[in-house]
């Protein structure tokens, strides 16, 4: 069953129920073997005789027997499971009902349609019982299985919906964001798998993009945690889905400096699928927000990389088309890129190097006031790099540029003081690296030697 909420034809058709790992499978098998006192529930009038009869027909039965029952009565069981989740409270019973629900859907994902039919009885069905379990667990660290299994089932139901979602996805996306930060790699893996599916729904993309800490966690995982190849692919797949939204494409590199990161990953990638998904992400960025991304791509040497990729043999013809598209766009933009555009893109990328504009006195005479544009955006980035970068070349170039700024725009001294750049440059005069020390010293001399203007 395809992801019916998605309107992006290039998103591959993958099984909705493909959210699994051995950790969840082992928990599921353990719960499946436990006895549940259904007769006791019926005697206590917590379930009806009819519900007890339905449960007895499937309890501890083989897969073949379950299929036979579901072929006849799948609609009854969809209603049964959602009803039981609403009215029963014991965690071990909730766990078992979730196992039965997951078995029903995983064996044949088309059975999700029987759950969706319940919306005729209540507009917030079939989601409410599963969303309730996720919402409860947002405020509790108890019962990991209930969280994971409810989220998996909710993912299947959400992605199989034929109509726009009838529930607020905020709590569900917040749960995903929380689980991405788990210290348990298995839980992180499941959270990313769930996110992959959910982001195929356009309405969920901007909502997750704007959610506090969600994207930060993915970026940090990709840059700092040395993920497995599969986890790396899954995270980049999420980025690709997000970049179908123009608002995301505009901010993607500006906020997270991901273009250079993805290029470096692609350069060292062993798996073709990782290169393919990165190239597709770049294509989205160019198609949705060329002004925001093409200059940064040129600074990060994506054109050179695409030229290298274009001579390789690929098993997927689509990647060849995507590489050719990027090459054409980058070549066209390369010829129209001004020197200041290139400089600004380099600053925004954070990957400073001794490129010609930095050391050109003519460049500074002509362009120094442009550093005041957009509320001193570029100055603030240079100042931030002085505090956050661990690269000595970046520190040296940033200190040099701030010195050039006050040399050709003395009124800017006050601005550098206000944004904290002056103090940081002075601190770098004692840096262990001689090039950093030298450029910081020269910048301070320029700062002190030019008269103050008020």
Protein backbone atom coordinates (compact mmCIF):
# COMPACT_ATOMS: atom_id res chain seq x y z
CA UNK A 1 0.00 0.00 0.00
CA UNK A 2 1.53 3.30 -1.02
CA UNK A 3 1.80 6.35 1.14
CA UNK A 4 -1.47 7.88 0.05
CA UNK A 5 -0.92 11.18 1.84
CA UNK A 6 2.11 12.06 -0.25
CA UNK A 7 1.85 14.15 -3.40
CA UNK A 8 5.52 13.79 -4.34
CA UNK A 9 5.71 11.23 -7.12
CA UNK A 10 9.46 10.68 -6.72
CA UNK A 11 9.08 9.27 -3.21
CA UNK A 12 9.50 5.49 -3.45
CA UNK A 13 6.68 3.13 -2.63
CA UNK A 14 7.88 1.18 0.40
CA UNK A 15 5.98 -1.10 2.80
CA UNK A 16 4.19 0.93 5.45
CA UNK A 17 4.91 -1.68 8.10
CA UNK A 18 8.65 -1.64 7.53
CA UNK A 19 9.38 -0.29 11.01
CA UNK A 20 11.29 -2.95 12.86
CA UNK A 21 14.50 -4.10 14.45
CA UNK A 22 15.56 -7.10 16.50
CA UNK A 23 15.12 -5.21 19.76
CA UNK A 24 11.40 -4.61 19.14
CA UNK A 25 10.98 -8.10 17.69
CA UNK A 26 12.41 -9.71 20.83
CA UNK A 27 10.13 -7.66 23.09
CA UNK A 28 7.16 -8.65 20.92
CA UNK A 29 7.96 -12.38 21.07
CA UNK A 30 8.30 -12.27 24.84
CA UNK A 31 4.90 -10.58 25.26
CA UNK A 32 3.19 -12.91 22.78
CA UNK A 33 3.90 -15.94 25.01
CA UNK A 34 2.33 -14.45 28.14
CA UNK A 35 -1.13 -15.65 29.27
CA UNK A 36 -3.89 -13.04 29.56
CA UNK A 37 -6.90 -13.84 31.83
CA UNK A 38 -9.61 -12.98 29.31
CA UNK A 39 -12.23 -15.05 31.17
CA UNK A 40 -11.50 -13.05 34.31
CA UNK A 41 -12.04 -9.83 32.41
CA UNK A 42 -15.38 -11.12 31.18
CA UNK A 43 -16.46 -12.18 34.69
CA UNK A 44 -15.54 -8.71 35.92
CA UNK A 45 -17.66 -7.33 33.07
CA UNK A 46 -14.69 -5.48 31.60
CA UNK A 47 -15.28 -7.20 28.27
CA UNK A 48 -18.46 -8.61 26.76
CA UNK A 49 -19.14 -12.31 26.03
CA UNK A 50 -18.95 -11.49 22.31
CA UNK A 51 -15.53 -9.91 22.76
CA UNK A 52 -14.34 -12.93 24.75
CA UNK A 53 -15.45 -15.23 21.95
CA UNK A 54 -13.50 -13.19 19.38
CA UNK A 55 -10.40 -13.25 21.58
CA UNK A 56 -10.54 -17.01 22.11
CA UNK A 57 -10.60 -17.56 18.36
CA UNK A 58 -7.18 -15.92 17.92
CA UNK A 59 -5.42 -16.29 21.27
CA UNK A 60 -2.15 -18.28 20.88
CA UNK A 61 -3.10 -19.42 17.37
CA UNK A 62 -0.72 -20.09 14.47
CA UNK A 63 -0.19 -17.54 11.71
CA UNK A 64 -2.15 -19.68 9.25
CA UNK A 65 -5.12 -19.91 11.62
CA UNK A 66 -5.00 -16.17 12.24
CA UNK A 67 -5.05 -15.47 8.51
CA UNK A 68 -8.10 -17.66 8.11
CA UNK A 69 -9.91 -15.76 10.87
CA UNK A 70 -8.87 -12.36 9.50
CA UNK A 71 -10.06 -13.19 6.00
CA UNK A 72 -13.58 -13.48 7.39
CA UNK A 73 -13.68 -11.04 10.29
CA UNK A 74 -10.90 -8.44 9.97
CA UNK A 75 -13.38 -5.60 10.40
CA UNK A 76 -14.62 -7.07 13.70
CA UNK A 77 -11.06 -7.36 15.01
CA UNK A 78 -10.16 -3.80 14.05
CA UNK A 79 -13.12 -2.64 16.13
CA UNK A 80 -12.29 -5.08 18.94
CA UNK A 81 -8.67 -3.98 19.34
CA UNK A 82 -9.44 -0.26 19.36
CA UNK A 83 -12.27 -0.80 21.83
CA UNK A 84 -10.12 -2.85 24.22
CA UNK A 85 -7.34 -0.26 24.14
CA UNK A 86 -9.87 2.38 25.13
CA UNK A 87 -11.33 0.58 28.13
CA UNK A 88 -8.62 -1.70 29.57
CA UNK A 89 -5.81 -0.27 31.69
CA UNK A 90 -3.37 -2.99 32.81
CA UNK A 91 -0.01 -2.53 31.03
CA UNK A 92 0.48 -6.26 30.36
CA UNK A 93 -2.94 -6.44 28.69
CA UNK A 94 -2.32 -3.28 26.66
CA UNK A 95 0.98 -4.80 25.51
CA UNK A 96 -0.76 -7.97 24.35
CA UNK A 97 -3.48 -6.09 22.46
CA UNK A 98 -0.78 -4.08 20.70
CA UNK A 99 0.99 -7.30 19.70
CA UNK A 100 -2.26 -8.66 18.22
CA UNK A 101 -2.90 -5.38 16.40
CA UNK A 102 0.62 -5.30 15.01
CA UNK A 103 0.33 -8.94 13.88
CA UNK A 104 -2.88 -8.14 12.05
CA UNK A 105 -1.41 -5.14 10.22
CA UNK A 106 2.08 -6.49 9.58
CA UNK A 107 0.75 -9.69 8.03
CA UNK A 108 -1.23 -7.69 5.48
CA UNK A 109 -1.03 -3.90 5.53
CA UNK A 110 -4.22 -3.66 3.43
CA UNK A 111 -6.06 -4.50 6.65
CA UNK A 112 -5.41 -0.92 7.73
CA UNK A 113 -8.50 -0.06 5.69
CA UNK A 114 -10.67 -1.87 8.26
CA UNK A 115 -9.35 0.42 10.97
CA UNK A 116 -10.02 3.49 8.84
CA UNK A 117 -13.64 2.41 8.40
CA UNK A 118 -14.08 3.08 12.12
CA UNK A 119 -13.98 6.82 11.37
CA UNK A 120 -17.66 6.52 10.42
CA UNK A 121 -18.37 5.84 14.11
CA UNK A 122 -16.08 8.56 15.48
CA UNK A 123 -14.02 11.16 13.62
CA UNK A 124 -10.92 10.58 15.77
CA UNK A 125 -10.81 6.85 15.06
CA UNK A 126 -8.75 4.83 14.37
CA UNK A 127 -5.98 7.05 15.76
CA UNK A 128 -7.27 7.94 19.22
CA UNK A 129 -6.45 4.71 21.14
CA UNK A 130 -2.86 4.57 19.85
CA UNK A 131 -2.27 8.30 20.12
CA UNK A 132 -3.46 8.11 23.72
CA UNK A 133 -0.72 5.60 24.53
CA UNK A 134 1.94 7.80 22.93
CA UNK A 135 0.62 10.91 24.71
CA UNK A 136 0.62 9.11 28.07
CA UNK A 137 4.18 8.01 27.53
CA UNK A 138 5.35 11.54 26.73
CA UNK A 139 4.93 12.22 30.44
CA UNK A 140 6.37 8.91 31.60
CA UNK A 141 9.45 6.79 31.11
CA UNK A 142 7.51 3.60 31.85
CA UNK A 143 6.82 0.72 29.50
CA UNK A 144 9.00 1.15 26.49
CA UNK A 145 7.15 -1.50 24.49
CA UNK A 146 3.78 0.28 24.71
CA UNK A 147 5.42 3.43 23.35
CA UNK A 148 7.25 1.76 20.49
CA UNK A 149 4.45 -0.56 19.41
CA UNK A 150 1.78 2.17 19.59
CA UNK A 151 4.00 4.46 17.53
CA UNK A 152 4.62 1.78 14.93
CA UNK A 153 0.89 1.06 14.55
CA UNK A 154 0.08 4.77 14.48
CA UNK A 155 2.64 5.15 11.69
CA UNK A 156 0.99 2.43 9.60
CA UNK A 157 -2.46 3.95 10.10
CA UNK A 158 -1.28 7.49 9.45
CA UNK A 159 0.55 6.63 6.24
CA UNK A 160 -2.29 4.50 4.88
CA UNK A 161 -4.97 7.17 5.33
CA UNK A 162 -6.88 8.03 2.16
CA UNK A 163 -8.17 11.29 3.64
CA UNK A 164 -6.34 14.19 5.33
CA UNK A 165 -5.39 13.30 8.88
CA UNK A 166 -8.18 13.87 11.37
CA UNK A 167 -5.94 14.34 14.41
CA UNK A 168 -3.32 16.80 15.61
CA UNK A 169 0.06 15.20 14.95
CA UNK A 170 1.93 17.45 17.41
CA UNK A 171 2.18 14.92 20.24
CA UNK A 172 3.22 12.15 17.88
CA UNK A 173 5.97 14.25 16.29
CA UNK A 174 7.05 15.41 19.74
CA UNK A 175 7.32 11.78 20.83
CA UNK A 176 9.52 11.04 17.79
CA UNK A 177 11.71 14.04 18.57
CA UNK A 178 12.11 12.86 22.17
CA UNK A 179 13.03 9.30 21.17
CA UNK A 180 15.65 10.53 18.71
CA UNK A 181 17.62 11.67 21.76
CA UNK A 182 17.49 8.26 23.48
CA UNK A 183 20.74 6.73 24.70
CA UNK A 184 19.44 3.39 23.41
CA UNK A 185 20.55 3.05 19.77
CA UNK A 186 17.70 0.63 19.06
CA UNK A 187 15.14 3.23 20.08
CA UNK A 188 16.90 5.91 18.00
CA UNK A 189 16.81 3.54 15.04
CA UNK A 190 13.08 2.92 15.41
CA UNK A 191 12.37 6.64 15.86
CA UNK A 192 14.22 7.46 12.62
CA UNK A 193 12.38 4.68 10.77
CA UNK A 194 9.05 6.06 11.98
CA UNK A 195 10.09 9.59 11.02
CA UNK A 196 11.01 8.39 7.51
CA UNK A 197 7.44 7.19 7.03
CA UNK A 198 5.73 10.17 8.63
CA UNK A 199 7.68 12.72 6.58
CA UNK A 200 6.17 11.28 3.41
CA UNK A 201 3.07 13.18 4.53
CA UNK A 202 3.56 16.81 3.38
CA UNK A 203 1.59 18.30 6.27
CA UNK A 204 4.02 16.79 8.77
CA UNK A 205 7.22 18.18 7.25
CA UNK A 206 7.13 21.83 8.25
CA UNK A 207 5.62 20.87 11.57
CA UNK A 208 8.61 18.67 12.38
CA UNK A 209 11.09 21.15 10.89
CA UNK A 210 9.83 23.85 13.26
CA UNK A 211 9.69 21.55 16.29
CA UNK A 212 12.34 22.39 18.92
CA UNK A 213 15.36 20.06 18.96
CA UNK A 214 14.10 17.60 16.34
CA UNK A 215 16.32 18.68 13.44
CA UNK A 216 19.16 19.61 15.80
CA UNK A 217 19.21 16.04 17.06
CA UNK A 218 19.33 14.56 13.55
CA UNK A 219 22.11 16.95 12.49
CA UNK A 220 24.13 16.20 15.61
CA UNK A 221 23.67 12.47 15.08
CA UNK A 222 24.93 12.80 11.51
CA UNK A 223 27.89 15.06 12.31
CA UNK A 224 29.08 13.87 15.70
CA UNK A 225 27.91 10.35 16.51
CA UNK A 226 29.47 8.34 13.67
CA UNK A 227 26.22 6.49 12.86
CA UNK A 228 26.02 3.14 11.10
CA UNK A 229 25.68 3.26 7.31
CA UNK A 230 22.00 2.36 7.55
CA UNK A 231 21.30 5.04 10.17
CA UNK A 232 23.25 7.55 8.09
CA UNK A 233 21.12 6.70 5.06
CA UNK A 234 17.87 6.93 7.05
CA UNK A 235 18.72 10.37 8.45
CA UNK A 236 19.65 11.72 5.01
CA UNK A 237 16.44 10.17 3.63
CA UNK A 238 14.55 12.27 6.21
CA UNK A 239 16.43 15.38 5.05
CA UNK A 240 15.53 14.59 1.45
CA UNK A 241 11.83 14.36 2.32
CA UNK A 242 11.99 17.62 4.26
CA UNK A 243 13.56 19.47 1.33
CA UNK A 244 10.45 18.99 -0.78
CA UNK A 245 9.19 22.00 1.20
CA UNK A 246 10.51 25.34 -0.05
CA UNK A 247 10.67 26.89 3.42
CA UNK A 248 12.92 24.04 4.51
CA UNK A 249 15.08 24.27 1.38
CA UNK A 250 15.68 27.99 2.02
CA UNK A 251 16.90 27.44 5.59
CA UNK A 252 18.46 23.97 5.22
CA UNK A 253 22.07 25.04 4.75
CA UNK A 254 21.78 28.49 6.26
CA UNK A 255 20.79 27.09 9.65
CA UNK A 256 22.69 23.81 9.75
CA UNK A 257 25.60 24.07 7.27
CA UNK A 258 24.62 20.69 5.83
CA UNK A 259 25.79 21.06 2.24
CA UNK A 260 29.51 20.61 3.08
CA UNK A 261 28.63 17.81 5.51
CA UNK A 262 26.66 15.89 2.90
CA UNK A 263 29.38 16.37 0.28
CA UNK A 264 31.97 14.91 2.65
CA UNK A 265 29.71 11.95 3.42
CA UNK A 266 29.15 11.32 -0.30
CA UNK A 267 32.88 11.49 -1.02
CA UNK A 268 33.61 8.69 1.44
CA UNK A 269 30.40 6.69 0.89
CA UNK A 270 30.71 2.98 0.16
CA UNK A 271 27.04 2.43 -0.67
CA UNK A 272 25.63 3.85 -3.90
CA UNK A 273 22.28 4.46 -2.22
CA UNK A 274 23.87 7.01 0.14
CA UNK A 275 25.34 9.01 -2.75
CA UNK A 276 22.01 8.74 -4.59
CA UNK A 277 19.94 10.14 -1.72
CA UNK A 278 22.43 12.98 -1.15
CA UNK A 279 22.35 13.95 -4.83
CA UNK A 280 18.54 13.87 -4.75
CA UNK A 281 18.59 16.11 -1.69
CA UNK A 282 20.84 18.58 -3.51
CA UNK A 283 18.49 18.54 -6.49
CA UNK A 284 15.57 19.42 -4.22
CA UNK A 285 17.58 22.28 -2.72
CA UNK A 286 18.37 23.68 -6.17
CA UNK A 287 14.84 23.25 -7.53
CA UNK A 288 13.10 24.69 -4.46
CA UNK A 289 15.54 27.45 -3.39
CA UNK A 290 18.36 28.03 -5.90
CA UNK A 291 19.32 31.48 -4.58
CA UNK A 292 19.86 30.12 -1.08
CA UNK A 293 21.83 27.03 -2.08
CA UNK A 294 23.72 27.33 -5.38
CA UNK A 295 26.34 29.79 -4.07
CA UNK A 296 26.97 27.61 -1.01
CA UNK A 297 27.29 24.55 -3.23
CA UNK A 298 29.89 26.29 -5.37
CA UNK A 299 31.90 27.33 -2.34
CA UNK A 300 31.80 23.74 -1.08
CA UNK A 301 33.16 22.53 -4.47
CA UNK A 302 30.06 20.53 -5.39
CA UNK A 303 30.65 21.26 -9.08
CA UNK A 304 34.04 19.53 -8.98
CA UNK A 305 32.51 16.59 -7.14
CA UNK A 306 29.66 16.27 -9.66
CA UNK A 307 32.18 16.28 -12.50
CA UNK A 308 33.98 13.38 -10.83
CA UNK A 309 30.70 11.53 -10.27
CA UNK A 310 29.61 11.96 -13.88
CA UNK A 311 32.42 9.73 -15.18
CA UNK A 312 31.54 6.85 -12.87
CA UNK A 313 29.29 3.95 -13.81
CA UNK A 314 25.97 3.79 -11.96
CA UNK A 315 23.38 1.04 -11.65
CA UNK A 316 20.61 3.64 -11.32
CA UNK A 317 19.95 5.78 -14.40
CA UNK A 318 18.13 8.41 -12.32
CA UNK A 319 21.29 9.37 -10.46
CA UNK A 320 22.96 10.17 -13.81
CA UNK A 321 20.09 12.52 -14.65
CA UNK A 322 20.32 14.17 -11.22
CA UNK A 323 24.10 14.63 -11.50
CA UNK A 324 23.75 16.17 -14.97
CA UNK A 325 21.04 18.51 -13.67
CA UNK A 326 23.24 19.69 -10.80
CA UNK A 327 26.25 20.17 -13.07
CA UNK A 328 24.25 22.31 -15.48
CA UNK A 329 22.80 24.48 -12.71
CA UNK A 330 26.14 24.91 -10.96
CA UNK A 331 27.98 25.78 -14.18
CA UNK A 332 25.37 28.38 -15.10
CA UNK A 333 25.49 29.90 -11.62
CA UNK A 334 29.28 29.85 -11.55
CA UNK A 335 29.44 32.31 -14.44
CA UNK A 336 26.92 34.71 -12.87
CA UNK A 337 28.30 34.55 -9.31
CA UNK A 338 29.84 37.85 -8.19
CA UNK A 339 32.93 37.93 -6.03
CA UNK A 340 30.91 39.14 -3.06
CA UNK A 341 28.29 36.40 -3.56
CA UNK A 342 31.10 33.87 -3.39
CA UNK A 343 32.56 35.52 -0.30
CA UNK A 344 29.19 35.66 1.47
CA UNK A 345 28.50 32.01 0.69
CA UNK A 346 31.88 31.04 2.10
CA UNK A 347 31.15 32.93 5.32
CA UNK A 348 27.72 31.33 5.67
CA UNK A 349 29.20 27.89 5.07
CA UNK A 350 31.63 28.38 7.97
CA UNK A 351 34.39 26.81 5.87
CA UNK A 352 36.71 29.81 5.67
CA UNK A 353 39.91 29.55 3.67
CA UNK A 354 42.41 31.98 2.19
CA UNK A 355 40.43 32.50 -1.01
CA UNK A 356 41.30 35.63 -3.07
CA UNK A 357 38.62 38.04 -1.72
CA UNK A 358 40.00 37.94 1.83
CA UNK A 359 43.39 39.30 0.78
CA UNK A 360 42.22 41.70 -1.93
CA UNK A 361 42.36 45.33 -0.81
CA UNK A 362 40.20 46.25 -3.82
CA UNK A 363 37.53 43.79 -2.67
CA UNK A 364 37.36 45.37 0.77
CA UNK A 365 37.22 48.92 -0.58
CA UNK A 366 34.28 48.02 -2.82
CA UNK A 367 32.32 45.71 -0.53
CA UNK A 368 33.01 46.53 3.12
CA UNK A 369 29.63 48.19 3.76
CA UNK A 370 27.82 45.10 2.49
CA UNK A 371 28.83 43.40 5.73
CA UNK A 372 26.31 45.68 7.42
CA UNK A 373 23.42 44.27 5.38
CA UNK A 374 20.68 42.11 6.93
CA UNK A 375 21.38 43.41 10.43
CA UNK A 376 25.12 42.64 10.16
CA UNK A 377 24.47 38.99 9.32
CA UNK A 378 27.96 38.23 7.99
CA UNK A 379 29.71 40.05 10.84
CA UNK A 380 27.74 38.04 13.36
CA UNK A 381 28.69 34.80 11.62
CA UNK A 382 32.38 35.78 11.68
CA UNK A 383 32.07 36.63 15.37
CA UNK A 384 30.36 33.32 16.10
CA UNK A 385 33.06 31.39 14.24
CA UNK A 386 35.71 33.01 16.45
CA UNK A 387 33.97 31.44 19.46
CA UNK A 388 32.87 28.10 18.06
CA UNK A 389 35.38 26.97 15.43
CA UNK A 390 38.25 24.66 16.32
CA UNK A 391 39.86 25.06 12.88
CA UNK A 392 42.92 27.33 13.04
CA UNK A 393 42.53 28.45 9.42
CA UNK A 394 38.93 29.50 10.07
CA UNK A 395 39.99 31.44 13.18
CA UNK A 396 42.84 33.19 11.34
CA UNK A 397 40.69 34.17 8.35
CA UNK A 398 37.81 35.39 10.54
CA UNK A 399 40.14 37.55 12.65
CA UNK A 400 41.74 38.93 9.48
CA UNK A 401 38.36 39.83 7.96
CA UNK A 402 37.21 41.68 11.07
CA UNK A 403 40.44 43.67 10.95
CA UNK A 404 39.80 44.54 7.31
CA UNK A 405 36.26 45.56 8.19
CA UNK A 406 37.36 48.22 10.72
CA UNK A 407 40.22 49.32 8.45
CA UNK A 408 37.84 50.25 5.65
CA UNK A 409 34.81 51.06 7.81
CA UNK A 410 36.02 52.67 11.06
CA UNK A 411 32.42 53.31 12.16
CA UNK A 412 32.14 49.55 12.52
CA UNK A 413 34.25 49.49 15.71
CA UNK A 414 31.19 50.08 17.82
CA UNK A 415 29.34 47.28 16.04
CA UNK A 416 32.15 44.78 16.68
CA UNK A 417 32.10 45.71 20.34
CA UNK A 418 28.32 45.28 20.55
CA UNK A 419 28.36 41.79 19.00
CA UNK A 420 31.27 40.63 21.18
CA UNK A 421 33.77 40.26 18.34
CA UNK A 422 36.33 42.73 19.73
CA UNK A 423 36.82 40.79 22.96
CA UNK A 424 37.16 37.46 21.18
CA UNK A 425 39.77 38.80 18.72
CA UNK A 426 41.80 40.13 21.65
CA UNK A 427 41.65 36.73 23.35
CA UNK A 428 43.04 35.09 20.20
CA UNK A 429 46.23 37.17 20.52
CA UNK A 430 47.43 34.46 22.93
CA UNK A 431 46.25 31.51 20.82
CA UNK A 432 48.65 28.57 20.51
CA UNK A 433 48.68 28.71 16.70
CA UNK A 434 51.08 31.36 15.33
CA UNK A 435 48.92 32.21 12.29
CA UNK A 436 45.87 32.78 14.49
CA UNK A 437 47.94 34.91 16.90
CA UNK A 438 49.37 36.98 14.05
CA UNK A 439 46.04 37.74 12.39
CA UNK A 440 44.40 38.53 15.72
CA UNK A 441 47.26 40.92 16.56
CA UNK A 442 47.02 42.69 13.19
CA UNK A 443 43.22 42.98 13.57
CA UNK A 444 43.59 44.55 17.02
CA UNK A 445 46.19 46.99 15.68
CA UNK A 446 43.77 48.07 12.94
CA UNK A 447 41.04 48.39 15.54
CA UNK A 448 43.20 50.64 17.73
CA UNK A 449 44.94 52.67 15.01
CA UNK A 450 41.87 54.03 13.26
CA UNK A 451 40.03 56.93 14.91
CA UNK A 452 36.69 56.37 16.58
CA UNK A 453 33.74 58.00 14.85
CA UNK A 454 30.51 58.58 16.73
